[in-house]
Each structure stands twice: as C-alpha cells, then as structure tokens.
PDB file of all heavy atoms in Angstrom:
ATOM      1  N   LYS A   1     102.891  81.694 108.427  1.00  0.00           N
ATOM      2  CA  LYS A   1     102.868  81.341 109.849  1.00  0.00           C
ATOM      3  C   LYS A   1     102.709  82.559 110.688  1.00  0.00           C
ATOM      4  O   LYS A   1     102.150  82.468 111.745  1.00  0.00           O
ATOM      5  CB  LYS A   1     104.100  80.606 110.247  1.00  0.00           C
ATOM      6  CG  LYS A   1     104.221  79.131 109.549  1.00  0.00           C
ATOM      7  CD  LYS A   1     105.474  78.510 110.051  1.00  0.00           C
ATOM      8  CE  LYS A   1     105.641  77.076 109.482  1.00  0.00           C
ATOM      9  NZ  LYS A   1     106.873  76.409 109.889  1.00  0.00           N
ATOM     10  N   ILE A   2     103.249  83.721 110.195  1.00  0.00           N
ATOM     11  CA  ILE A   2     103.267  84.882 111.050  1.00  0.00           C
ATOM     12  C   ILE A   2     102.421  86.034 110.669  1.00  0.00           C
ATOM     13  O   ILE A   2     102.076  86.917 111.429  1.00  0.00           O
ATOM     14  CB  ILE A   2     104.732  85.480 111.276  1.00  0.00           C
ATOM     15  CG1 ILE A   2     105.239  85.907 109.910  1.00  0.00           C
ATOM     16  CG2 ILE A   2     105.667  84.390 111.914  1.00  0.00           C
ATOM     17  CD1 ILE A   2     106.689  86.562 110.095  1.00  0.00           C
ATOM     18  N   PHE A   3     101.925  86.002 109.471  1.00  0.00           N
ATOM     19  CA  PHE A   3     101.015  87.060 109.010  1.00  0.00           C
ATOM     20  C   PHE A   3      99.637  86.447 108.697  1.00  0.00           C
ATOM     21  O   PHE A   3      99.505  85.371 108.050  1.00  0.00           O
ATOM     22  CB  PHE A   3     101.511  87.762 107.749  1.00  0.00           C
ATOM     23  CG  PHE A   3     102.853  88.454 107.903  1.00  0.00           C
ATOM     24  CD1 PHE A   3     103.868  88.199 107.147  1.00  0.00           C
ATOM     25  CD2 PHE A   3     102.961  89.430 108.827  1.00  0.00           C
ATOM     26  CE1 PHE A   3     105.125  88.826 107.284  1.00  0.00           C
ATOM     27  CE2 PHE A   3     104.159  90.079 109.007  1.00  0.00           C
ATOM     28  CZ  PHE A   3     105.214  89.878 108.256  1.00  0.00           C
ATOM     29  N   ASP A   4      98.582  87.020 109.247  1.00  0.00           N
ATOM     30  CA  ASP A   4      97.188  86.506 109.158  1.00  0.00           C
ATOM     31  C   ASP A   4      96.193  87.632 108.975  1.00  0.00           C
ATOM     32  O   ASP A   4      95.890  88.302 109.955  1.00  0.00           O
ATOM     33  CB  ASP A   4      96.909  85.682 110.404  1.00  0.00           C
ATOM     34  CG  ASP A   4      95.623  84.871 110.278  1.00  0.00           C
ATOM     35  OD1 ASP A   4      94.821  85.180 109.408  1.00  0.00           O
ATOM     36  OD2 ASP A   4      95.368  84.076 111.149  1.00  0.00           O
ATOM     37  N   ASN A   5      95.888  87.898 107.776  1.00  0.00           N
ATOM     38  CA  ASN A   5      94.838  88.932 107.487  1.00  0.00           C
ATOM     39  C   ASN A   5      95.129  90.216 108.049  1.00  0.00           C
ATOM     40  O   ASN A   5      94.270  90.808 108.730  1.00  0.00           O
ATOM     41  CB  ASN A   5      93.410  88.430 107.887  1.00  0.00           C
ATOM     42  CG  ASN A   5      92.285  89.178 107.264  1.00  0.00           C
ATOM     43  OD1 ASN A   5      92.361  89.782 106.232  1.00  0.00           O
ATOM     44  ND2 ASN A   5      91.159  89.299 108.131  1.00  0.00           N
ATOM     45  N   GLY A   6      96.310  90.625 107.932  1.00  0.00           N
ATOM     46  CA  GLY A   6      96.827  92.002 108.420  1.00  0.00           C
ATOM     47  C   GLY A   6      97.381  91.951 109.845  1.00  0.00           C
ATOM     48  O   GLY A   6      97.982  92.860 110.331  1.00  0.00           O
ATOM     49  N   TRP A   7      97.232  90.775 110.517  1.00  0.00           N
ATOM     50  CA  TRP A   7      97.783  90.631 111.792  1.00  0.00           C
ATOM     51  C   TRP A   7      99.123  89.990 111.827  1.00  0.00           C
ATOM     52  O   TRP A   7      99.356  89.096 111.034  1.00  0.00           O
ATOM     53  CB  TRP A   7      96.878  89.742 112.774  1.00  0.00           C
ATOM     54  CG  TRP A   7      95.594  90.492 113.104  1.00  0.00           C
ATOM     55  CD1 TRP A   7      94.417  90.365 112.445  1.00  0.00           C
ATOM     56  CD2 TRP A   7      95.375  91.380 114.144  1.00  0.00           C
ATOM     57  NE1 TRP A   7      93.422  91.089 112.972  1.00  0.00           N
ATOM     58  CE2 TRP A   7      94.012  91.708 114.089  1.00  0.00           C
ATOM     59  CE3 TRP A   7      96.120  91.878 115.143  1.00  0.00           C
ATOM     60  CZ2 TRP A   7      93.412  92.642 114.989  1.00  0.00           C
ATOM     61  CZ3 TRP A   7      95.606  92.735 116.091  1.00  0.00           C
ATOM     62  CH2 TRP A   7      94.234  93.174 115.979  1.00  0.00           C
ATOM     63  N   TRP A   8     100.064  90.400 112.689  1.00  0.00           N
ATOM     64  CA  TRP A   8     101.351  89.757 112.879  1.00  0.00           C
ATOM     65  C   TRP A   8     101.327  88.927 114.198  1.00  0.00           C
ATOM     66  O   TRP A   8     101.063  89.522 115.209  1.00  0.00           O
ATOM     67  CB  TRP A   8     102.513  90.883 112.913  1.00  0.00           C
ATOM     68  CG  TRP A   8     103.804  90.357 113.307  1.00  0.00           C
ATOM     69  CD1 TRP A   8     104.668  89.582 112.591  1.00  0.00           C
ATOM     70  CD2 TRP A   8     104.468  90.729 114.520  1.00  0.00           C
ATOM     71  NE1 TRP A   8     105.768  89.359 113.361  1.00  0.00           N
ATOM     72  CE2 TRP A   8     105.703  90.018 114.538  1.00  0.00           C
ATOM     73  CE3 TRP A   8     104.132  91.486 115.615  1.00  0.00           C
ATOM     74  CZ2 TRP A   8     106.566  90.117 115.550  1.00  0.00           C
ATOM     75  CZ3 TRP A   8     104.996  91.576 116.652  1.00  0.00           C
ATOM     76  CH2 TRP A   8     106.253  90.935 116.631  1.00  0.00           C
ATOM     77  N   ARG A   9     101.697  87.723 114.052  1.00  0.00           N
ATOM     78  CA  ARG A   9     101.788  86.824 115.281  1.00  0.00           C
ATOM     79  C   ARG A   9     103.219  86.989 115.730  1.00  0.00           C
ATOM     80  O   ARG A   9     104.174  86.463 115.111  1.00  0.00           O
ATOM     81  CB  ARG A   9     101.410  85.416 114.830  1.00  0.00           C
ATOM     82  CG  ARG A   9      99.979  85.205 114.345  1.00  0.00           C
ATOM     83  CD  ARG A   9      99.828  83.722 113.956  1.00  0.00           C
ATOM     84  NE  ARG A   9      98.519  83.486 113.356  1.00  0.00           N
ATOM     85  CZ  ARG A   9      97.444  83.039 114.162  1.00  0.00           C
ATOM     86  NH1 ARG A   9      97.750  82.799 115.473  1.00  0.00           N
ATOM     87  NH2 ARG A   9      96.297  82.910 113.633  1.00  0.00           N
ATOM     88  N   SER A  10     103.359  87.456 116.884  1.00  0.00           N
ATOM     89  CA  SER A  10     104.707  87.846 117.429  1.00  0.00           C
ATOM     90  C   SER A  10     105.509  86.721 117.881  1.00  0.00           C
ATOM     91  O   SER A  10     106.751  86.771 117.888  1.00  0.00           O
ATOM     92  CB  SER A  10     104.538  88.879 118.504  1.00  0.00           C
ATOM     93  OG  SER A  10     103.925  88.199 119.733  1.00  0.00           O
ATOM     94  N   GLY A  11     104.865  85.642 118.435  1.00  0.00           N
ATOM     95  CA  GLY A  11     105.607  84.566 119.134  1.00  0.00           C
ATOM     96  C   GLY A  11     106.017  84.983 120.557  1.00  0.00           C
ATOM     97  O   GLY A  11     106.638  84.160 121.319  1.00  0.00           O
ATOM     98  N   ASP A  12     105.579  86.135 121.013  1.00  0.00           N
ATOM     99  CA  ASP A  12     105.864  86.654 122.366  1.00  0.00           C
ATOM    100  C   ASP A  12     104.664  86.310 123.178  1.00  0.00           C
ATOM    101  O   ASP A  12     103.456  86.404 122.758  1.00  0.00           O
ATOM    102  CB  ASP A  12     106.074  88.172 122.355  1.00  0.00           C
ATOM    103  CG  ASP A  12     107.535  88.479 121.761  1.00  0.00           C
ATOM    104  OD1 ASP A  12     108.356  87.654 121.860  1.00  0.00           O
ATOM    105  OD2 ASP A  12     107.580  89.625 121.232  1.00  0.00           O
ATOM    106  N   GLN A  13     104.898  86.061 124.395  1.00  0.00           N
ATOM    107  CA  GLN A  13     103.819  85.790 125.369  1.00  0.00           C
ATOM    108  C   GLN A  13     103.622  87.037 126.250  1.00  0.00           C
ATOM    109  O   GLN A  13     104.580  87.639 126.647  1.00  0.00           O
ATOM    110  CB  GLN A  13     104.181  84.511 126.328  1.00  0.00           C
ATOM    111  CG  GLN A  13     103.046  84.061 127.137  1.00  0.00           C
ATOM    112  CD  GLN A  13     103.220  82.619 127.501  1.00  0.00           C
ATOM    113  OE1 GLN A  13     103.616  81.742 126.684  1.00  0.00           O
ATOM    114  NE2 GLN A  13     102.951  82.213 128.683  1.00  0.00           N
ATOM    115  N   GLY A  14     102.351  87.433 126.457  1.00  0.00           N
ATOM    116  CA  GLY A  14     102.121  88.630 127.201  1.00  0.00           C
ATOM    117  C   GLY A  14     100.681  88.745 127.730  1.00  0.00           C
ATOM    118  O   GLY A  14      99.820  87.946 127.569  1.00  0.00           O
ATOM    119  N   VAL A  15     100.474  89.912 128.449  1.00  0.00           N
ATOM    120  CA  VAL A  15      99.265  90.154 129.088  1.00  0.00           C
ATOM    121  C   VAL A  15      98.831  91.629 128.840  1.00  0.00           C
ATOM    122  O   VAL A  15      99.770  92.521 128.911  1.00  0.00           O
ATOM    123  CB  VAL A  15      99.330  89.948 130.680  1.00  0.00           C
ATOM    124  CG1 VAL A  15      98.052  90.396 131.338  1.00  0.00           C
ATOM    125  CG2 VAL A  15      99.544  88.434 130.892  1.00  0.00           C
ATOM    126  N   LEU A  16      97.633  91.893 128.467  1.00  0.00           N
ATOM    127  CA  LEU A  16      97.144  93.221 128.517  1.00  0.00           C
ATOM    128  C   LEU A  16      96.310  93.504 129.666  1.00  0.00           C
ATOM    129  O   LEU A  16      95.514  92.683 130.040  1.00  0.00           O
ATOM    130  CB  LEU A  16      96.226  93.446 127.188  1.00  0.00           C
ATOM    131  CG  LEU A  16      96.913  93.803 125.916  1.00  0.00           C
ATOM    132  CD1 LEU A  16      95.897  93.773 124.770  1.00  0.00           C
ATOM    133  CD2 LEU A  16      97.627  95.159 125.930  1.00  0.00           C
ATOM    134  N   ASP A  17      96.542  94.632 130.343  1.00  0.00           N
ATOM    135  CA  ASP A  17      95.762  94.919 131.562  1.00  0.00           C
ATOM    136  C   ASP A  17      94.497  95.752 131.091  1.00  0.00           C
ATOM    137  O   ASP A  17      94.330  96.044 129.873  1.00  0.00           O
ATOM    138  CB  ASP A  17      96.528  95.599 132.689  1.00  0.00           C
ATOM    139  CG  ASP A  17      96.927  97.050 132.279  1.00  0.00           C
ATOM    140  OD1 ASP A  17      96.367  97.667 131.270  1.00  0.00           O
ATOM    141  OD2 ASP A  17      97.811  97.657 133.052  1.00  0.00           O
ATOM    142  N   GLU A  18      93.637  96.090 132.024  1.00  0.00           N
ATOM    143  CA  GLU A  18      92.365  96.745 131.705  1.00  0.00           C
ATOM    144  C   GLU A  18      92.573  98.132 131.143  1.00  0.00           C
ATOM    145  O   GLU A  18      91.654  98.663 130.513  1.00  0.00           O
ATOM    146  CB  GLU A  18      91.551  96.834 132.946  1.00  0.00           C
ATOM    147  CG  GLU A  18      91.013  95.445 133.448  1.00  0.00           C
ATOM    148  CD  GLU A  18      90.121  95.461 134.675  1.00  0.00           C
ATOM    149  OE1 GLU A  18      90.002  96.578 135.262  1.00  0.00           O
ATOM    150  OE2 GLU A  18      89.586  94.398 135.037  1.00  0.00           O
ATOM    151  N   ASP A  19      93.756  98.726 131.343  1.00  0.00           N
ATOM    152  CA  ASP A  19      94.013 100.125 130.884  1.00  0.00           C
ATOM    153  C   ASP A  19      94.753  99.961 129.596  1.00  0.00           C
ATOM    154  O   ASP A  19      95.104 101.066 128.969  1.00  0.00           O
ATOM    155  CB  ASP A  19      94.853 100.862 131.879  1.00  0.00           C
ATOM    156  CG  ASP A  19      94.149 101.062 133.224  1.00  0.00           C
ATOM    157  OD1 ASP A  19      92.920 101.360 133.129  1.00  0.00           O
ATOM    158  OD2 ASP A  19      94.763 100.954 134.188  1.00  0.00           O
ATOM    159  N   GLY A  20      95.035  98.738 128.954  1.00  0.00           N
ATOM    160  CA  GLY A  20      95.635  98.685 127.686  1.00  0.00           C
ATOM    161  C   GLY A  20      97.178  98.614 127.790  1.00  0.00           C
ATOM    162  O   GLY A  20      97.760  98.500 126.694  1.00  0.00           O
ATOM    163  N   TYR A  21      97.756  98.496 128.875  1.00  0.00           N
ATOM    164  CA  TYR A  21      99.156  98.333 129.020  1.00  0.00           C
ATOM    165  C   TYR A  21      99.603  96.897 128.782  1.00  0.00           C
ATOM    166  O   TYR A  21      99.011  95.962 129.285  1.00  0.00           O
ATOM    167  CB  TYR A  21      99.770  98.747 130.409  1.00  0.00           C
ATOM    168  CG  TYR A  21      99.752 100.292 130.660  1.00  0.00           C
ATOM    169  CD1 TYR A  21      98.626 100.972 131.303  1.00  0.00           C
ATOM    170  CD2 TYR A  21     100.700 101.034 130.224  1.00  0.00           C
ATOM    171  CE1 TYR A  21      98.658 102.313 131.477  1.00  0.00           C
ATOM    172  CE2 TYR A  21     100.825 102.433 130.422  1.00  0.00           C
ATOM    173  CZ  TYR A  21      99.751 103.062 131.075  1.00  0.00           C
ATOM    174  OH  TYR A  21      99.761 104.353 131.243  1.00  0.00           O
ATOM    175  N   LEU A  22     100.554  96.716 127.912  1.00  0.00           N
ATOM    176  CA  LEU A  22     101.064  95.349 127.608  1.00  0.00           C
ATOM    177  C   LEU A  22     102.261  94.938 128.456  1.00  0.00           C
ATOM    178  O   LEU A  22     103.182  95.864 128.584  1.00  0.00           O
ATOM    179  CB  LEU A  22     101.445  95.309 126.100  1.00  0.00           C
ATOM    180  CG  LEU A  22     102.068  94.041 125.630  1.00  0.00           C
ATOM    181  CD1 LEU A  22     101.008  92.905 125.683  1.00  0.00           C
ATOM    182  CD2 LEU A  22     102.490  94.193 124.119  1.00  0.00           C
ATOM    183  N   TYR A  23     102.222  93.784 128.954  1.00  0.00           N
ATOM    184  CA  TYR A  23     103.378  93.258 129.736  1.00  0.00           C
ATOM    185  C   TYR A  23     103.856  91.948 129.046  1.00  0.00           C
ATOM    186  O   TYR A  23     102.997  91.025 128.871  1.00  0.00           O
ATOM    187  CB  TYR A  23     102.870  92.973 131.152  1.00  0.00           C
ATOM    188  CG  TYR A  23     102.437  94.186 131.932  1.00  0.00           C
ATOM    189  CD1 TYR A  23     101.193  94.668 131.726  1.00  0.00           C
ATOM    190  CD2 TYR A  23     103.308  94.802 132.842  1.00  0.00           C
ATOM    191  CE1 TYR A  23     100.796  95.802 132.463  1.00  0.00           C
ATOM    192  CE2 TYR A  23     102.909  95.937 133.479  1.00  0.00           C
ATOM    193  CZ  TYR A  23     101.570  96.395 133.333  1.00  0.00           C
ATOM    194  OH  TYR A  23     101.243  97.539 134.027  1.00  0.00           O
ATOM    195  N   LEU A  24     105.073  91.954 128.705  1.00  0.00           N
ATOM    196  CA  LEU A  24     105.707  90.678 128.051  1.00  0.00           C
ATOM    197  C   LEU A  24     106.122  89.801 129.115  1.00  0.00           C
ATOM    198  O   LEU A  24     106.732  90.101 130.129  1.00  0.00           O
ATOM    199  CB  LEU A  24     106.872  91.104 127.186  1.00  0.00           C
ATOM    200  CG  LEU A  24     106.514  92.119 126.027  1.00  0.00           C
ATOM    201  CD1 LEU A  24     107.749  92.382 125.153  1.00  0.00           C
ATOM    202  CD2 LEU A  24     105.477  91.511 125.098  1.00  0.00           C
ATOM    203  N   GLN A  25     105.918  88.451 128.771  1.00  0.00           N
ATOM    204  CA  GLN A  25     106.226  87.376 129.679  1.00  0.00           C
ATOM    205  C   GLN A  25     107.436  86.626 129.151  1.00  0.00           C
ATOM    206  O   GLN A  25     107.828  85.620 129.666  1.00  0.00           O
ATOM    207  CB  GLN A  25     105.053  86.518 130.006  1.00  0.00           C
ATOM    208  CG  GLN A  25     103.815  87.198 130.424  1.00  0.00           C
ATOM    209  CD  GLN A  25     103.995  87.888 131.751  1.00  0.00           C
ATOM    210  OE1 GLN A  25     104.629  87.322 132.624  1.00  0.00           O
ATOM    211  NE2 GLN A  25     103.396  89.154 131.880  1.00  0.00           N
ATOM    212  N   GLY A  26     107.921  86.903 127.936  1.00  0.00           N
ATOM    213  CA  GLY A  26     108.988  86.185 127.233  1.00  0.00           C
ATOM    214  C   GLY A  26     108.555  85.577 125.940  1.00  0.00           C
ATOM    215  O   GLY A  26     107.461  85.595 125.582  1.00  0.00           O
ATOM    216  N   ARG A  27     109.518  85.017 125.288  1.00  0.00           N
ATOM    217  CA  ARG A  27     109.215  84.349 124.053  1.00  0.00           C
ATOM    218  C   ARG A  27     108.646  83.001 124.261  1.00  0.00           C
ATOM    219  O   ARG A  27     108.945  82.280 125.131  1.00  0.00           O
ATOM    220  CB  ARG A  27     110.517  84.151 123.251  1.00  0.00           C
ATOM    221  CG  ARG A  27     111.190  85.374 122.693  1.00  0.00           C
ATOM    222  CD  ARG A  27     110.328  85.950 121.480  1.00  0.00           C
ATOM    223  NE  ARG A  27     110.272  85.004 120.405  1.00  0.00           N
ATOM    224  CZ  ARG A  27     109.494  85.122 119.367  1.00  0.00           C
ATOM    225  NH1 ARG A  27     108.805  86.227 119.203  1.00  0.00           N
ATOM    226  NH2 ARG A  27     109.466  84.220 118.364  1.00  0.00           N
ATOM    227  N   LEU A  28     107.637  82.661 123.430  1.00  0.00           N
ATOM    228  CA  LEU A  28     106.994  81.344 123.618  1.00  0.00           C
ATOM    229  C   LEU A  28     108.131  80.179 123.291  1.00  0.00           C
ATOM    230  O   LEU A  28     108.025  79.254 123.915  1.00  0.00           O
ATOM    231  CB  LEU A  28     105.834  81.131 122.501  1.00  0.00           C
ATOM    232  CG  LEU A  28     104.701  82.087 122.796  1.00  0.00           C
ATOM    233  CD1 LEU A  28     103.733  82.063 121.610  1.00  0.00           C
ATOM    234  CD2 LEU A  28     103.951  81.540 124.072  1.00  0.00           C
ATOM    235  N   ASP A  29     108.983  80.540 122.336  1.00  0.00           N
ATOM    236  CA  ASP A  29     109.987  79.443 122.096  1.00  0.00           C
ATOM    237  C   ASP A  29     111.190  79.733 122.949  1.00  0.00           C
ATOM    238  O   ASP A  29     112.190  78.905 122.884  1.00  0.00           O
ATOM    239  CB  ASP A  29     110.390  79.570 120.607  1.00  0.00           C
ATOM    240  CG  ASP A  29     110.864  80.960 120.157  1.00  0.00           C
ATOM    241  OD1 ASP A  29     110.905  81.848 121.019  1.00  0.00           O
ATOM    242  OD2 ASP A  29     111.128  81.157 118.955  1.00  0.00           O
ATOM    243  N   ASP A  30     111.227  80.535 123.964  1.00  0.00           N
ATOM    244  CA  ASP A  30     112.195  80.603 124.954  1.00  0.00           C
ATOM    245  C   ASP A  30     111.887  79.870 126.272  1.00  0.00           C
ATOM    246  O   ASP A  30     112.627  79.771 127.225  1.00  0.00           O
ATOM    247  CB  ASP A  30     112.549  82.053 125.335  1.00  0.00           C
ATOM    248  CG  ASP A  30     113.349  82.891 124.369  1.00  0.00           C
ATOM    249  OD1 ASP A  30     113.937  82.200 123.495  1.00  0.00           O
ATOM    250  OD2 ASP A  30     113.330  84.008 124.493  1.00  0.00           O
TER     251      ASP A  30
END
C-alpha cells in the first residue's frame, strides 16, 4: 500500500510551489 516502484506514499497532504518548497496540509487520515 505504501511502497510503489521505489516511491513511498506518505499519506500526507501537501503542496509543492514553483520553487520546489513543500508545504504540508496535514494527514489525509487526520
């Protein structure tokens, strides 16, 4: 469920801006 061809699915909700900064919006299950 959480590993997919080298990728880890975090379950976290977030946004990447145009400069590559990541902003977390909280847990999907929260």
